[in-house]
C-alpha cells in the first residue's frame, strides 16, 4: 500500500488514508492484528508511527508529513535489497 494524500496526517484526523497508514505500519510490525483498524488517527496509531519514525531517524512527532510519507512509501522489498547489499 502507498499513501497518496499530500496533506499532513496527525492525531485526531479521520481520513481513508489513515487505513492505508495502518496497513503499512502493520506490515512493518509496528501494529498488531489485535489493534483496531479504521479511518481515525488514534493514539495507538500515533505511538506506532513515532516508533517507526525513531527507527528511520525521522522526527518522532507522530504525524505524517513529507519526509515520513516518503519513507513509508519506499517499497519494503527495496529496503530488504538495500540491507542485503550493505551486508
PDB file of N, CA and C in Angstrom:
ATOM      1  N   UNK A   1       0.817  -1.212   0.000  1.00  0.00           N
ATOM      2  CA  UNK A   1       0.000   0.000   0.000  1.00  0.00           C
ATOM      3  C   UNK A   1       0.851   1.263   0.000  1.00  0.00           C
ATOM      4  N   UNK A   2       0.340   2.311  -0.583  1.00  0.00           N
ATOM      5  CA  UNK A   2       1.042   3.597  -0.652  1.00  0.00           C
ATOM      6  C   UNK A   2       0.112   4.712  -0.198  1.00  0.00           C
ATOM      7  N   UNK A   3       0.684   5.667   0.516  1.00  0.00           N
ATOM      8  CA  UNK A   3      -0.059   6.859   0.903  1.00  0.00           C
ATOM      9  C   UNK A   3      -0.092   7.820  -0.281  1.00  0.00           C
ATOM     10  N   UNK A   4      -1.267   8.288  -0.641  1.00  0.00           N
ATOM     11  CA  UNK A   4      -1.388   9.200  -1.777  1.00  0.00           C
ATOM     12  C   UNK A   4      -1.780  10.600  -1.341  1.00  0.00           C
ATOM     13  N   UNK A   5      -2.102  10.770  -0.097  1.00  0.00           N
ATOM     14  CA  UNK A   5      -2.535  12.066   0.424  1.00  0.00           C
ATOM     15  C   UNK A   5      -1.341  13.022   0.494  1.00  0.00           C
ATOM     16  N   UNK A   6      -1.579  14.292   0.219  1.00  0.00           N
ATOM     17  CA  UNK A   6      -0.476  15.253   0.265  1.00  0.00           C
ATOM     18  C   UNK A   6      -0.494  16.093   1.541  1.00  0.00           C
ATOM     19  N   UNK A   7      -1.623  16.125   2.244  1.00  0.00           N
ATOM     20  CA  UNK A   7      -1.677  16.898   3.489  1.00  0.00           C
ATOM     21  C   UNK A   7      -1.081  16.089   4.636  1.00  0.00           C
ATOM     22  N   UNK A   8      -0.730  16.764   5.701  1.00  0.00           N
ATOM     23  CA  UNK A   8      -0.188  16.108   6.885  1.00  0.00           C
ATOM     24  C   UNK A   8      -1.303  15.399   7.631  1.00  0.00           C
ATOM     25  N   UNK A   9      -1.049  14.149   8.006  1.00  0.00           N
ATOM     26  CA  UNK A   9      -1.982  13.384   8.839  1.00  0.00           C
ATOM     27  C   UNK A   9      -1.480  13.416  10.268  1.00  0.00           C
ATOM     28  N   UNK A  10      -2.400  13.670  11.218  1.00  0.00           N
ATOM     29  CA  UNK A  10      -1.991  13.721  12.625  1.00  0.00           C
ATOM     30  C   UNK A  10      -3.108  13.215  13.521  1.00  0.00           C
ATOM     31  N   UNK A  11      -2.776  13.060  14.781  1.00  0.00           N
ATOM     32  CA  UNK A  11      -3.701  12.570  15.797  1.00  0.00           C
ATOM     33  C   UNK A  11      -5.039  13.297  15.707  1.00  0.00           C
ATOM     34  N   UNK A  12      -6.129  12.533  15.680  1.00  0.00           N
ATOM     35  CA  UNK A  12      -7.471  13.090  15.630  1.00  0.00           C
ATOM     36  C   UNK A  12      -8.065  13.175  14.234  1.00  0.00           C
ATOM     37  N   UNK A  13      -7.223  13.090  13.194  1.00  0.00           N
ATOM     38  CA  UNK A  13      -7.728  13.157  11.825  1.00  0.00           C
ATOM     39  C   UNK A  13      -8.557  11.916  11.496  1.00  0.00           C
ATOM     40  N   UNK A  14      -9.534  12.104  10.628  1.00  0.00           N
ATOM     41  CA  UNK A  14     -10.318  10.985  10.104  1.00  0.00           C
ATOM     42  C   UNK A  14     -10.249  11.085   8.597  1.00  0.00           C
ATOM     43  N   UNK A  15      -9.639  10.076   7.974  1.00  0.00           N
ATOM     44  CA  UNK A  15      -9.397  10.103   6.536  1.00  0.00           C
ATOM     45  C   UNK A  15      -9.203   8.668   6.060  1.00  0.00           C
ATOM     46  N   UNK A  16      -9.649   8.320   4.857  1.00  0.00           N
ATOM     47  CA  UNK A  16      -9.412   6.970   4.334  1.00  0.00           C
ATOM     48  C   UNK A  16      -7.928   6.599   4.277  1.00  0.00           C
ATOM     49  N   UNK A  17      -7.046   7.577   4.130  1.00  0.00           N
ATOM     50  CA  UNK A  17      -5.606   7.306   4.076  1.00  0.00           C
ATOM     51  C   UNK A  17      -5.061   6.793   5.416  1.00  0.00           C
ATOM     52  N   UNK A  18      -5.775   7.054   6.497  1.00  0.00           N
ATOM     53  CA  UNK A  18      -5.354   6.552   7.806  1.00  0.00           C
ATOM     54  C   UNK A  18      -5.355   5.021   7.788  1.00  0.00           C
ATOM     55  N   UNK A  19      -6.322   4.433   7.108  1.00  0.00           N
ATOM     56  CA  UNK A  19      -6.382   2.967   6.972  1.00  0.00           C
ATOM     57  C   UNK A  19      -5.145   2.459   6.235  1.00  0.00           C
ATOM     58  N   UNK A  20      -4.722   3.165   5.196  1.00  0.00           N
ATOM     59  CA  UNK A  20      -3.510   2.790   4.462  1.00  0.00           C
ATOM     60  C   UNK A  20      -2.290   2.896   5.370  1.00  0.00           C
ATOM     61  N   UNK A  21      -2.217   3.948   6.163  1.00  0.00           N
ATOM     62  CA  UNK A  21      -1.121   4.109   7.123  1.00  0.00           C
ATOM     63  C   UNK A  21      -1.091   2.941   8.093  1.00  0.00           C
ATOM     64  N   UNK A  22      -2.242   2.536   8.584  1.00  0.00           N
ATOM     65  CA  UNK A  22      -2.322   1.383   9.494  1.00  0.00           C
ATOM     66  C   UNK A  22      -1.795   0.115   8.818  1.00  0.00           C
ATOM     67  N   UNK A  23      -2.170  -0.087   7.559  1.00  0.00           N
ATOM     68  CA  UNK A  23      -1.716  -1.269   6.828  1.00  0.00           C
ATOM     69  C   UNK A  23      -0.197  -1.281   6.693  1.00  0.00           C
ATOM     70  N   UNK A  24       0.384  -0.138   6.367  1.00  0.00           N
ATOM     71  CA  UNK A  24       1.838  -0.048   6.210  1.00  0.00           C
ATOM     72  C   UNK A  24       2.536  -0.341   7.537  1.00  0.00           C
ATOM     73  N   UNK A  25       2.075   0.288   8.612  1.00  0.00           N
ATOM     74  CA  UNK A  25       2.702   0.076   9.920  1.00  0.00           C
ATOM     75  C   UNK A  25       2.502  -1.359  10.404  1.00  0.00           C
ATOM     76  N   UNK A  26       1.392  -1.977  10.031  1.00  0.00           N
ATOM     77  CA  UNK A  26       1.182  -3.388  10.347  1.00  0.00           C
ATOM     78  C   UNK A  26       2.222  -4.247   9.621  1.00  0.00           C
ATOM     79  N   UNK A  27       2.445  -3.967   8.334  1.00  0.00           N
ATOM     80  CA  UNK A  27       3.422  -4.735   7.558  1.00  0.00           C
ATOM     81  C   UNK A  27       4.834  -4.602   8.127  1.00  0.00           C
ATOM     82  N   UNK A  28       5.154  -3.445   8.675  1.00  0.00           N
ATOM     83  CA  UNK A  28       6.457  -3.222   9.293  1.00  0.00           C
ATOM     84  C   UNK A  28       6.540  -3.827  10.697  1.00  0.00           C
ATOM     85  N   UNK A  29       5.407  -4.228  11.261  1.00  0.00           N
ATOM     86  CA  UNK A  29       5.410  -4.841  12.579  1.00  0.00           C
ATOM     87  C   UNK A  29       5.185  -3.875  13.729  1.00  0.00           C
ATOM     88  N   UNK A  30       4.756  -2.665  13.432  1.00  0.00           N
ATOM     89  CA  UNK A  30       4.525  -1.675  14.489  1.00  0.00           C
ATOM     90  C   UNK A  30       3.100  -1.715  15.033  1.00  0.00           C
ATOM     91  N   UNK A  31       2.205  -2.400  14.347  1.00  0.00           N
ATOM     92  CA  UNK A  31       0.838  -2.606  14.821  1.00  0.00           C
ATOM     93  C   UNK A  31       0.541  -4.100  14.770  1.00  0.00           C
ATOM     94  N   UNK A  32      -0.304  -4.555  15.663  1.00  0.00           N
ATOM     95  CA  UNK A  32      -0.667  -5.975  15.681  1.00  0.00           C
ATOM     96  C   UNK A  32      -2.081  -6.159  15.140  1.00  0.00           C
ATOM     97  N   UNK A  33      -2.422  -7.410  14.866  1.00  0.00           N
ATOM     98  CA  UNK A  33      -3.765  -7.725  14.375  1.00  0.00           C
ATOM     99  C   UNK A  33      -4.814  -7.383  15.415  1.00  0.00           C
ATOM    100  N   UNK A  34      -4.432  -7.394  16.692  1.00  0.00           N
ATOM    101  CA  UNK A  34      -5.367  -7.127  17.775  1.00  0.00           C
ATOM    102  C   UNK A  34      -5.811  -5.665  17.822  1.00  0.00           C
ATOM    103  N   UNK A  35      -5.004  -4.787  17.259  1.00  0.00           N
ATOM    104  CA  UNK A  35      -5.352  -3.372  17.298  1.00  0.00           C
ATOM    105  C   UNK A  35      -6.407  -3.067  16.244  1.00  0.00           C
ATOM    106  N   UNK A  36      -7.318  -2.192  16.607  1.00  0.00           N
ATOM    107  CA  UNK A  36      -8.435  -1.863  15.729  1.00  0.00           C
ATOM    108  C   UNK A  36      -7.966  -1.059  14.517  1.00  0.00           C
ATOM    109  N   UNK A  37      -8.447  -1.459  13.358  1.00  0.00           N
ATOM    110  CA  UNK A  37      -8.131  -0.739  12.132  1.00  0.00           C
ATOM    111  C   UNK A  37      -9.315   0.153  11.790  1.00  0.00           C
ATOM    112  N   UNK A  38      -9.051   1.287  11.207  1.00  0.00           N
ATOM    113  CA  UNK A  38     -10.115   2.205  10.831  1.00  0.00           C
ATOM    114  C   UNK A  38      -9.541   3.484  10.270  1.00  0.00           C
ATOM    115  N   UNK A  39     -10.409   4.445  10.027  1.00  0.00           N
ATOM    116  CA  UNK A  39     -10.018   5.704   9.400  1.00  0.00           C
ATOM    117  C   UNK A  39      -9.690   6.800  10.394  1.00  0.00           C
ATOM    118  N   UNK A  40      -9.787   6.535  11.699  1.00  0.00           N
ATOM    119  CA  UNK A  40      -9.492   7.558  12.706  1.00  0.00           C
ATOM    120  C   UNK A  40      -8.053   7.414  13.190  1.00  0.00           C
ATOM    121  N   UNK A  41      -7.336   8.501  13.180  1.00  0.00           N
ATOM    122  CA  UNK A  41      -5.940   8.539  13.629  1.00  0.00           C
ATOM    123  C   UNK A  41      -5.964   8.640  15.154  1.00  0.00           C
ATOM    124  N   UNK A  42      -5.802   7.498  15.819  1.00  0.00           N
ATOM    125  CA  UNK A  42      -5.901   7.461  17.280  1.00  0.00           C
ATOM    126  C   UNK A  42      -4.526   7.418  17.932  1.00  0.00           C
ATOM    127  N   UNK A  43      -4.507   7.369  19.255  1.00  0.00           N
ATOM    128  CA  UNK A  43      -3.244   7.421  19.995  1.00  0.00           C
ATOM    129  C   UNK A  43      -2.391   6.173  19.768  1.00  0.00           C
ATOM    130  N   UNK A  44      -3.011   5.004  19.577  1.00  0.00           N
ATOM    131  CA  UNK A  44      -2.232   3.790  19.290  1.00  0.00           C
ATOM    132  C   UNK A  44      -1.478   3.932  17.974  1.00  0.00           C
ATOM    133  N   UNK A  45      -2.140   4.501  16.992  1.00  0.00           N
ATOM    134  CA  UNK A  45      -1.503   4.717  15.692  1.00  0.00           C
ATOM    135  C   UNK A  45      -0.378   5.739  15.808  1.00  0.00           C
ATOM    136  N   UNK A  46      -0.592   6.792  16.583  1.00  0.00           N
ATOM    137  CA  UNK A  46       0.436   7.813  16.772  1.00  0.00           C
ATOM    138  C   UNK A  46       1.679   7.218  17.443  1.00  0.00           C
ATOM    139  N   UNK A  47       1.468   6.363  18.447  1.00  0.00           N
ATOM    140  CA  UNK A  47       2.604   5.721  19.130  1.00  0.00           C
ATOM    141  C   UNK A  47       3.368   4.807  18.176  1.00  0.00           C
ATOM    142  N   UNK A  48       2.639   4.023  17.385  1.00  0.00           N
ATOM    143  CA  UNK A  48       3.287   3.135  16.417  1.00  0.00           C
ATOM    144  C   UNK A  48       4.075   3.948  15.394  1.00  0.00           C
ATOM    145  N   UNK A  49       3.496   5.048  14.946  1.00  0.00           N
ATOM    146  CA  UNK A  49       4.164   5.903  13.977  1.00  0.00           C
ATOM    147  C   UNK A  49       5.424   6.527  14.574  1.00  0.00           C
ATOM    148  N   UNK A  50       5.377   6.936  15.829  1.00  0.00           N
ATOM    149  CA  UNK A  50       6.559   7.501  16.487  1.00  0.00           C
ATOM    150  C   UNK A  50       7.685   6.468  16.558  1.00  0.00           C
ATOM    151  N   UNK A  51       7.351   5.221  16.847  1.00  0.00           N
ATOM    152  CA  UNK A  51       8.374   4.165  16.866  1.00  0.00           C
ATOM    153  C   UNK A  51       8.976   3.979  15.478  1.00  0.00           C
ATOM    154  N   UNK A  52       8.138   3.984  14.451  1.00  0.00           N
ATOM    155  CA  UNK A  52       8.610   3.891  13.075  1.00  0.00           C
ATOM    156  C   UNK A  52       9.549   5.052  12.766  1.00  0.00           C
ATOM    157  N   UNK A  53       9.138   6.263  13.140  1.00  0.00           N
ATOM    158  CA  UNK A  53       9.944   7.449  12.864  1.00  0.00           C
ATOM    159  C   UNK A  53      11.299   7.371  13.574  1.00  0.00           C
ATOM    160  N   UNK A  54      11.322   6.907  14.808  1.00  0.00           N
ATOM    161  CA  UNK A  54      12.598   6.757  15.526  1.00  0.00           C
ATOM    162  C   UNK A  54      13.505   5.775  14.801  1.00  0.00           C
ATOM    163  N   UNK A  55      12.940   4.666  14.370  1.00  0.00           N
ATOM    164  CA  UNK A  55      13.716   3.609  13.701  1.00  0.00           C
ATOM    165  C   UNK A  55      14.362   4.115  12.416  1.00  0.00           C
ATOM    166  N   UNK A  56      13.678   5.024  11.732  1.00  0.00           N
ATOM    167  CA  UNK A  56      14.175   5.533  10.459  1.00  0.00           C
ATOM    168  C   UNK A  56      14.778   6.930  10.575  1.00  0.00           C
ATOM    169  N   UNK A  57      15.172   7.302  11.787  1.00  0.00           N
ATOM    170  CA  UNK A  57      15.856   8.574  12.063  1.00  0.00           C
ATOM    171  C   UNK A  57      15.066   9.792  11.587  1.00  0.00           C
ATOM    172  N   UNK A  58      13.764   9.733  11.782  1.00  0.00           N
ATOM    173  CA  UNK A  58      12.891  10.863  11.477  1.00  0.00           C
ATOM    174  C   UNK A  58      12.482  11.526  12.783  1.00  0.00           C
ATOM    175  N   UNK A  59      12.003  12.751  12.712  1.00  0.00           N
ATOM    176  CA  UNK A  59      11.495  13.443  13.892  1.00  0.00           C
ATOM    177  C   UNK A  59      10.268  12.676  14.402  1.00  0.00           C
ATOM    178  N   UNK A  60      10.337  12.116  15.620  1.00  0.00           N
ATOM    179  CA  UNK A  60       9.223  11.304  16.127  1.00  0.00           C
ATOM    180  C   UNK A  60       8.063  12.159  16.637  1.00  0.00           C
ATOM    181  N   UNK A  61       7.415  12.863  15.712  1.00  0.00           N
ATOM    182  CA  UNK A  61       6.325  13.753  16.098  1.00  0.00           C
ATOM    183  C   UNK A  61       4.947  13.091  16.014  1.00  0.00           C
ATOM    184  N   UNK A  62       4.896  11.857  15.503  1.00  0.00           N
ATOM    185  CA  UNK A  62       3.633  11.137  15.435  1.00  0.00           C
ATOM    186  C   UNK A  62       2.686  11.642  14.364  1.00  0.00           C
ATOM    187  N   UNK A  63       3.198  12.395  13.409  1.00  0.00           N
ATOM    188  CA  UNK A  63       2.368  12.846  12.298  1.00  0.00           C
ATOM    189  C   UNK A  63       3.047  12.481  10.980  1.00  0.00           C
ATOM    190  N   UNK A  64       2.254  12.387   9.932  1.00  0.00           N
ATOM    191  CA  UNK A  64       2.772  12.013   8.617  1.00  0.00           C
ATOM    192  C   UNK A  64       2.903  13.267   7.773  1.00  0.00           C
ATOM    193  N   UNK A  65       4.130  13.774   7.711  1.00  0.00           N
ATOM    194  CA  UNK A  65       4.454  14.905   6.851  1.00  0.00           C
ATOM    195  C   UNK A  65       5.183  14.383   5.617  1.00  0.00           C
ATOM    196  N   UNK A  66       5.839  15.262   4.919  1.00  0.00           N
ATOM    197  CA  UNK A  66       6.505  14.908   3.660  1.00  0.00           C
ATOM    198  C   UNK A  66       7.576  13.837   3.836  1.00  0.00           C
ATOM    199  N   UNK A  67       8.508  14.047   4.776  1.00  0.00           N
ATOM    200  CA  UNK A  67       9.619  13.094   4.964  1.00  0.00           C
ATOM    201  C   UNK A  67       9.110  11.731   5.399  1.00  0.00           C
ATOM    202  N   UNK A  68       8.218  11.721   6.379  1.00  0.00           N
ATOM    203  CA  UNK A  68       7.683  10.444   6.872  1.00  0.00           C
ATOM    204  C   UNK A  68       6.937   9.719   5.759  1.00  0.00           C
ATOM    205  N   UNK A  69       6.153  10.449   4.973  1.00  0.00           N
ATOM    206  CA  UNK A  69       5.409   9.838   3.863  1.00  0.00           C
ATOM    207  C   UNK A  69       6.362   9.210   2.852  1.00  0.00           C
ATOM    208  N   UNK A  70       7.484   9.892   2.558  1.00  0.00           N
ATOM    209  CA  UNK A  70       8.465   9.343   1.611  1.00  0.00           C
ATOM    210  C   UNK A  70       9.012   8.004   2.098  1.00  0.00           C
ATOM    211  N   UNK A  71       9.350   7.937   3.383  1.00  0.00           N
ATOM    212  CA  UNK A  71       9.899   6.692   3.932  1.00  0.00           C
ATOM    213  C   UNK A  71       8.828   5.607   3.982  1.00  0.00           C
ATOM    214  N   UNK A  72       7.614   5.964   4.385  1.00  0.00           N
ATOM    215  CA  UNK A  72       6.525   4.989   4.424  1.00  0.00           C
ATOM    216  C   UNK A  72       6.221   4.431   3.039  1.00  0.00           C
ATOM    217  N   UNK A  73       6.354   5.239   2.010  1.00  0.00           N
ATOM    218  CA  UNK A  73       6.050   4.806   0.644  1.00  0.00           C
ATOM    219  C   UNK A  73       7.205   4.098  -0.052  1.00  0.00           C
ATOM    220  N   UNK A  74       8.378   4.088   0.567  1.00  0.00           N
ATOM    221  CA  UNK A  74       9.516   3.385  -0.030  1.00  0.00           C
ATOM    222  C   UNK A  74       9.234   1.883   0.062  1.00  0.00           C
ATOM    223  N   UNK A  75       9.266   1.148  -1.045  1.00  0.00           N
ATOM    224  CA  UNK A  75       8.888  -0.267  -1.032  1.00  0.00           C
ATOM    225  C   UNK A  75       9.734  -1.104  -0.060  1.00  0.00           C
ATOM    226  N   UNK A  76       9.065  -1.923   0.707  1.00  0.00           N
ATOM    227  CA  UNK A  76       9.738  -2.788   1.682  1.00  0.00           C
ATOM    228  C   UNK A  76      10.748  -3.693   0.976  1.00  0.00           C
ATOM    229  N   UNK A  77      10.394  -4.193  -0.211  1.00  0.00           N
ATOM    230  CA  UNK A  77      11.304  -5.071  -0.947  1.00  0.00           C
ATOM    231  C   UNK A  77      12.614  -4.350  -1.268  1.00  0.00           C
ATOM    232  N   UNK A  78      12.527  -3.071  -1.598  1.00  0.00           N
ATOM    233  CA  UNK A  78      13.729  -2.299  -1.894  1.00  0.00           C
ATOM    234  C   UNK A  78      14.573  -2.097  -0.636  1.00  0.00           C
ATOM    235  N   UNK A  79      13.927  -1.922   0.497  1.00  0.00           N
ATOM    236  CA  UNK A  79      14.668  -1.793   1.754  1.00  0.00           C
ATOM    237  C   UNK A  79      15.407  -3.092   2.080  1.00  0.00           C
ATOM    238  N   UNK A  80      14.772  -4.206   1.833  1.00  0.00           N
ATOM    239  CA  UNK A  80      15.402  -5.511   2.063  1.00  0.00           C
ATOM    240  C   UNK A  80      16.627  -5.662   1.164  1.00  0.00           C
ATOM    241  N   UNK A  81      16.473  -5.289  -0.108  1.00  0.00           N
ATOM    242  CA  UNK A  81      17.597  -5.365  -1.051  1.00  0.00           C
ATOM    243  C   UNK A  81      18.755  -4.480  -0.567  1.00  0.00           C
ATOM    244  N   UNK A  82      18.438  -3.279  -0.104  1.00  0.00           N
ATOM    245  CA  UNK A  82      19.467  -2.349   0.372  1.00  0.00           C
ATOM    246  C   UNK A  82      20.213  -2.937   1.579  1.00  0.00           C
ATOM    247  N   UNK A  83      19.502  -3.570   2.462  1.00  0.00           N
ATOM    248  CA  UNK A  83      20.124  -4.196   3.637  1.00  0.00           C
ATOM    249  C   UNK A  83      21.056  -5.319   3.203  1.00  0.00           C
ATOM    250  N   UNK A  84      20.610  -6.143   2.266  1.00  0.00           N
ATOM    251  CA  UNK A  84      21.432  -7.261   1.783  1.00  0.00           C
ATOM    252  C   UNK A  84      22.706  -6.731   1.122  1.00  0.00           C
ATOM    253  N   UNK A  85      22.577  -5.705   0.318  1.00  0.00           N
ATOM    254  CA  UNK A  85      23.747  -5.117  -0.364  1.00  0.00           C
ATOM    255  C   UNK A  85      24.727  -4.571   0.681  1.00  0.00           C
ATOM    256  N   UNK A  86      24.211  -3.910   1.712  1.00  0.00           N
ATOM    257  CA  UNK A  86      25.065  -3.326   2.728  1.00  0.00           C
ATOM    258  C   UNK A  86      25.741  -4.362   3.637  1.00  0.00           C
ATOM    259  N   UNK A  87      25.193  -5.555   3.662  1.00  0.00           N
ATOM    260  CA  UNK A  87      25.801  -6.614   4.472  1.00  0.00           C
ATOM    261  C   UNK A  87      27.032  -7.136   3.788  1.00  0.00           C
TER     262      UNK A  87
END
